[in-house]
PDB file of N, CA and C in Angstrom:
ATOM      1  N   MET A   1       0.854  -1.179   0.000  1.00  0.00           N
ATOM      2  CA  MET A   1       0.000   0.000   0.000  1.00  0.00           C
ATOM      3  C   MET A   1       0.894   1.234   0.000  1.00  0.00           C
ATOM      4  N   ALA A   2       0.620   2.159  -0.861  1.00  0.00           N
ATOM      5  CA  ALA A   2       1.415   3.371  -0.981  1.00  0.00           C
ATOM      6  C   ALA A   2       1.119   4.343   0.161  1.00  0.00           C
ATOM      7  N   TYR A   3       2.006   5.281   0.327  1.00  0.00           N
ATOM      8  CA  TYR A   3       1.820   6.337   1.310  1.00  0.00           C
ATOM      9  C   TYR A   3       1.036   7.482   0.680  1.00  0.00           C
ATOM     10  N   VAL A   4       0.404   8.313   1.517  1.00  0.00           N
ATOM     11  CA  VAL A   4      -0.329   9.483   1.047  1.00  0.00           C
ATOM     12  C   VAL A   4       0.080  10.685   1.876  1.00  0.00           C
ATOM     13  N   ILE A   5      -0.053  11.864   1.283  1.00  0.00           N
ATOM     14  CA  ILE A   5       0.278  13.103   1.966  1.00  0.00           C
ATOM     15  C   ILE A   5      -1.022  13.826   2.300  1.00  0.00           C
ATOM     16  N   GLY A   6      -1.200  14.147   3.566  1.00  0.00           N
ATOM     17  CA  GLY A   6      -2.420  14.786   4.036  1.00  0.00           C
ATOM     18  C   GLY A   6      -2.396  16.302   3.911  1.00  0.00           C
ATOM     19  N   ASP A   7      -3.493  16.917   4.321  1.00  0.00           N
ATOM     20  CA  ASP A   7      -3.661  18.360   4.199  1.00  0.00           C
ATOM     21  C   ASP A   7      -2.731  19.173   5.090  1.00  0.00           C
ATOM     22  N   SER A   8      -2.072  18.544   6.048  1.00  0.00           N
ATOM     23  CA  SER A   8      -1.168  19.293   6.924  1.00  0.00           C
ATOM     24  C   SER A   8       0.210  19.508   6.285  1.00  0.00           C
ATOM     25  N   CYS A   9       0.359  19.093   5.023  1.00  0.00           N
ATOM     26  CA  CYS A   9       1.605  19.299   4.268  1.00  0.00           C
ATOM     27  C   CYS A   9       1.947  20.787   4.224  1.00  0.00           C
ATOM     28  N   VAL A  10       3.214  21.118   4.540  1.00  0.00           N
ATOM     29  CA  VAL A  10       3.666  22.511   4.523  1.00  0.00           C
ATOM     30  C   VAL A  10       4.500  22.827   3.278  1.00  0.00           C
ATOM     31  N   GLN A  11       4.528  21.923   2.327  1.00  0.00           N
ATOM     32  CA  GLN A  11       5.202  22.090   1.045  1.00  0.00           C
ATOM     33  C   GLN A  11       6.687  22.427   1.184  1.00  0.00           C
ATOM     34  N   CYS A  12       7.361  21.752   2.108  1.00  0.00           N
ATOM     35  CA  CYS A  12       8.788  22.027   2.316  1.00  0.00           C
ATOM     36  C   CYS A  12       9.676  21.280   1.323  1.00  0.00           C
ATOM     37  N   GLY A  13       9.172  20.158   0.772  1.00  0.00           N
ATOM     38  CA  GLY A  13       9.936  19.391  -0.201  1.00  0.00           C
ATOM     39  C   GLY A  13      10.861  18.346   0.382  1.00  0.00           C
ATOM     40  N   ALA A  14      10.899  18.211   1.696  1.00  0.00           N
ATOM     41  CA  ALA A  14      11.789  17.224   2.318  1.00  0.00           C
ATOM     42  C   ALA A  14      11.465  15.814   1.852  1.00  0.00           C
ATOM     43  N   CYS A  15      10.189  15.513   1.697  1.00  0.00           N
ATOM     44  CA  CYS A  15       9.780  14.166   1.280  1.00  0.00           C
ATOM     45  C   CYS A  15      10.255  13.856  -0.135  1.00  0.00           C
ATOM     46  N   ALA A  16      10.100  14.807  -1.031  1.00  0.00           N
ATOM     47  CA  ALA A  16      10.496  14.589  -2.425  1.00  0.00           C
ATOM     48  C   ALA A  16      12.002  14.370  -2.537  1.00  0.00           C
ATOM     49  N   ALA A  17      12.764  15.108  -1.749  1.00  0.00           N
ATOM     50  CA  ALA A  17      14.214  14.962  -1.777  1.00  0.00           C
ATOM     51  C   ALA A  17      14.654  13.605  -1.237  1.00  0.00           C
ATOM     52  N   GLN A  18      13.882  13.025  -0.328  1.00  0.00           N
ATOM     53  CA  GLN A  18      14.232  11.765   0.315  1.00  0.00           C
ATOM     54  C   GLN A  18      13.779  10.533  -0.471  1.00  0.00           C
ATOM     55  N   CYS A  19      12.782  10.669  -1.330  1.00  0.00           N
ATOM     56  CA  CYS A  19      12.165   9.526  -2.003  1.00  0.00           C
ATOM     57  C   CYS A  19      13.115   8.851  -2.995  1.00  0.00           C
ATOM     58  N   PRO A  20      13.476   7.577  -2.754  1.00  0.00           N
ATOM     59  CA  PRO A  20      14.395   6.877  -3.660  1.00  0.00           C
ATOM     60  C   PRO A  20      13.749   6.505  -4.999  1.00  0.00           C
ATOM     61  N   ALA A  21      12.422   6.469  -5.042  1.00  0.00           N
ATOM     62  CA  ALA A  21      11.721   6.096  -6.275  1.00  0.00           C
ATOM     63  C   ALA A  21      11.280   7.309  -7.085  1.00  0.00           C
ATOM     64  N   GLU A  22      11.556   8.507  -6.584  1.00  0.00           N
ATOM     65  CA  GLU A  22      11.130   9.752  -7.230  1.00  0.00           C
ATOM     66  C   GLU A  22       9.633   9.738  -7.506  1.00  0.00           C
ATOM     67  N   ALA A  23       8.860   9.276  -6.515  1.00  0.00           N
ATOM     68  CA  ALA A  23       7.411   9.143  -6.649  1.00  0.00           C
ATOM     69  C   ALA A  23       6.654  10.371  -6.159  1.00  0.00           C
ATOM     70  N   ILE A  24       7.372  11.374  -5.634  1.00  0.00           N
ATOM     71  CA  ILE A  24       6.717  12.531  -5.027  1.00  0.00           C
ATOM     72  C   ILE A  24       6.962  13.772  -5.872  1.00  0.00           C
ATOM     73  N   SER A  25       5.868  14.506  -6.128  1.00  0.00           N
ATOM     74  CA  SER A  25       5.973  15.741  -6.899  1.00  0.00           C
ATOM     75  C   SER A  25       5.126  16.822  -6.247  1.00  0.00           C
ATOM     76  N   GLU A  26       5.424  18.064  -6.594  1.00  0.00           N
ATOM     77  CA  GLU A  26       4.697  19.190  -6.028  1.00  0.00           C
ATOM     78  C   GLU A  26       3.354  19.340  -6.717  1.00  0.00           C
ATOM     79  N   GLY A  27       2.289  19.349  -5.928  1.00  0.00           N
ATOM     80  CA  GLY A  27       0.944  19.545  -6.448  1.00  0.00           C
ATOM     81  C   GLY A  27       0.518  20.992  -6.278  1.00  0.00           C
ATOM     82  N   ALA A  28      -0.737  21.270  -6.524  1.00  0.00           N
ATOM     83  CA  ALA A  28      -1.255  22.632  -6.442  1.00  0.00           C
ATOM     84  C   ALA A  28      -1.195  23.200  -5.027  1.00  0.00           C
ATOM     85  N   ASP A  29      -1.593  22.403  -4.028  1.00  0.00           N
ATOM     86  CA  ASP A  29      -1.616  22.912  -2.657  1.00  0.00           C
ATOM     87  C   ASP A  29      -0.865  22.042  -1.661  1.00  0.00           C
ATOM     88  N   LYS A  30      -0.295  20.934  -2.133  1.00  0.00           N
ATOM     89  CA  LYS A  30       0.527  20.059  -1.302  1.00  0.00           C
ATOM     90  C   LYS A  30       1.289  19.118  -2.217  1.00  0.00           C
ATOM     91  N   TYR A  31       2.286  18.450  -1.661  1.00  0.00           N
ATOM     92  CA  TYR A  31       3.010  17.453  -2.449  1.00  0.00           C
ATOM     93  C   TYR A  31       2.138  16.216  -2.618  1.00  0.00           C
ATOM     94  N   GLU A  32       2.386  15.454  -3.673  1.00  0.00           N
ATOM     95  CA  GLU A  32       1.570  14.278  -3.981  1.00  0.00           C
ATOM     96  C   GLU A  32       2.474  13.082  -4.251  1.00  0.00           C
ATOM     97  N   ILE A  33       2.004  11.903  -3.863  1.00  0.00           N
ATOM     98  CA  ILE A  33       2.751  10.667  -4.085  1.00  0.00           C
ATOM     99  C   ILE A  33       2.053   9.857  -5.172  1.00  0.00           C
ATOM    100  N   ASN A  34       2.806   9.479  -6.191  1.00  0.00           N
ATOM    101  CA  ASN A  34       2.284   8.634  -7.254  1.00  0.00           C
ATOM    102  C   ASN A  34       2.279   7.191  -6.742  1.00  0.00           C
ATOM    103  N   ALA A  35       1.095   6.660  -6.449  1.00  0.00           N
ATOM    104  CA  ALA A  35       0.968   5.320  -5.868  1.00  0.00           C
ATOM    105  C   ALA A  35       1.516   4.234  -6.783  1.00  0.00           C
ATOM    106  N   ASP A  36       1.535   4.471  -8.079  1.00  0.00           N
ATOM    107  CA  ASP A  36       2.036   3.472  -9.025  1.00  0.00           C
ATOM    108  C   ASP A  36       3.565   3.364  -8.989  1.00  0.00           C
ATOM    109  N   VAL A  37       4.223   4.398  -8.487  1.00  0.00           N
ATOM    110  CA  VAL A  37       5.671   4.439  -8.444  1.00  0.00           C
ATOM    111  C   VAL A  37       6.209   4.204  -7.023  1.00  0.00           C
ATOM    112  N   CYS A  38       5.431   4.532  -6.025  1.00  0.00           N
ATOM    113  CA  CYS A  38       5.823   4.401  -4.614  1.00  0.00           C
ATOM    114  C   CYS A  38       6.216   2.957  -4.300  1.00  0.00           C
ATOM    115  N   VAL A  39       7.372   2.789  -3.610  1.00  0.00           N
ATOM    116  CA  VAL A  39       7.851   1.464  -3.241  1.00  0.00           C
ATOM    117  C   VAL A  39       7.555   1.140  -1.774  1.00  0.00           C
ATOM    118  N   ASP A  40       6.768   1.971  -1.126  1.00  0.00           N
ATOM    119  CA  ASP A  40       6.289   1.735   0.240  1.00  0.00           C
ATOM    120  C   ASP A  40       7.426   1.589   1.248  1.00  0.00           C
ATOM    121  N   CYS A  41       8.458   2.413   1.100  1.00  0.00           N
ATOM    122  CA  CYS A  41       9.609   2.305   2.002  1.00  0.00           C
ATOM    123  C   CYS A  41       9.452   3.138   3.269  1.00  0.00           C
ATOM    124  N   GLY A  42       8.634   4.191   3.216  1.00  0.00           N
ATOM    125  CA  GLY A  42       8.409   5.029   4.387  1.00  0.00           C
ATOM    126  C   GLY A  42       9.441   6.108   4.618  1.00  0.00           C
ATOM    127  N   SER A  43      10.398   6.253   3.725  1.00  0.00           N
ATOM    128  CA  SER A  43      11.427   7.277   3.890  1.00  0.00           C
ATOM    129  C   SER A  43      10.833   8.677   3.957  1.00  0.00           C
ATOM    130  N   CYS A  44       9.810   8.910   3.176  1.00  0.00           N
ATOM    131  CA  CYS A  44       9.172  10.226   3.147  1.00  0.00           C
ATOM    132  C   CYS A  44       8.523  10.559   4.490  1.00  0.00           C
ATOM    133  N   ALA A  45       7.848   9.594   5.068  1.00  0.00           N
ATOM    134  CA  ALA A  45       7.175   9.800   6.352  1.00  0.00           C
ATOM    135  C   ALA A  45       8.189  10.081   7.459  1.00  0.00           C
ATOM    136  N   ASP A  46       9.341   9.444   7.377  1.00  0.00           N
ATOM    137  CA  ASP A  46      10.374   9.627   8.396  1.00  0.00           C
ATOM    138  C   ASP A  46      10.924  11.046   8.436  1.00  0.00           C
ATOM    139  N   VAL A  47      10.958  11.742   7.291  1.00  0.00           N
ATOM    140  CA  VAL A  47      11.557  13.083   7.243  1.00  0.00           C
ATOM    141  C   VAL A  47      10.538  14.217   7.256  1.00  0.00           C
ATOM    142  N   CYS A  48       9.255  13.913   7.200  1.00  0.00           N
ATOM    143  CA  CYS A  48       8.241  14.963   7.137  1.00  0.00           C
ATOM    144  C   CYS A  48       8.134  15.718   8.465  1.00  0.00           C
ATOM    145  N   PRO A  49       8.451  17.025   8.464  1.00  0.00           N
ATOM    146  CA  PRO A  49       8.398  17.794   9.714  1.00  0.00           C
ATOM    147  C   PRO A  49       6.962  18.044  10.199  1.00  0.00           C
ATOM    148  N   ALA A  50       5.998  17.948   9.300  1.00  0.00           N
ATOM    149  CA  ALA A  50       4.598  18.197   9.663  1.00  0.00           C
ATOM    150  C   ALA A  50       3.848  16.912   9.987  1.00  0.00           C
ATOM    151  N   GLU A  51       4.540  15.778   9.880  1.00  0.00           N
ATOM    152  CA  GLU A  51       3.909  14.467  10.080  1.00  0.00           C
ATOM    153  C   GLU A  51       2.652  14.316   9.242  1.00  0.00           C
ATOM    154  N   ALA A  52       2.743  14.775   7.982  1.00  0.00           N
ATOM    155  CA  ALA A  52       1.596  14.782   7.074  1.00  0.00           C
ATOM    156  C   ALA A  52       1.485  13.526   6.218  1.00  0.00           C
ATOM    157  N   ILE A  53       2.441  12.616   6.348  1.00  0.00           N
ATOM    158  CA  ILE A  53       2.480  11.430   5.475  1.00  0.00           C
ATOM    159  C   ILE A  53       2.151  10.179   6.275  1.00  0.00           C
ATOM    160  N   SER A  54       1.222   9.396   5.708  1.00  0.00           N
ATOM    161  CA  SER A  54       0.828   8.155   6.368  1.00  0.00           C
ATOM    162  C   SER A  54       0.557   7.094   5.307  1.00  0.00           C
ATOM    163  N   GLU A  55       0.434   5.847   5.758  1.00  0.00           N
ATOM    164  CA  GLU A  55       0.095   4.778   4.839  1.00  0.00           C
ATOM    165  C   GLU A  55      -1.365   4.893   4.439  1.00  0.00           C
ATOM    166  N   ALA A  56      -1.636   4.625   3.176  1.00  0.00           N
ATOM    167  CA  ALA A  56      -2.996   4.725   2.665  1.00  0.00           C
ATOM    168  C   ALA A  56      -3.852   3.602   3.174  1.00  0.00           C
TER     169      ALA A  56
END
């Protein structure tokens, strides 16, 4: 199951920089994770300062 980014995202980009699969991109109002590319490693959740990332 892929991870998702919630509304508490502060758009800092830490998750995108950490993602080994390059599955995270900047969306209109928050970063977004492409579930088809996500390898479910949790690296993004570990570095998120807003704790906005969780498993779907």
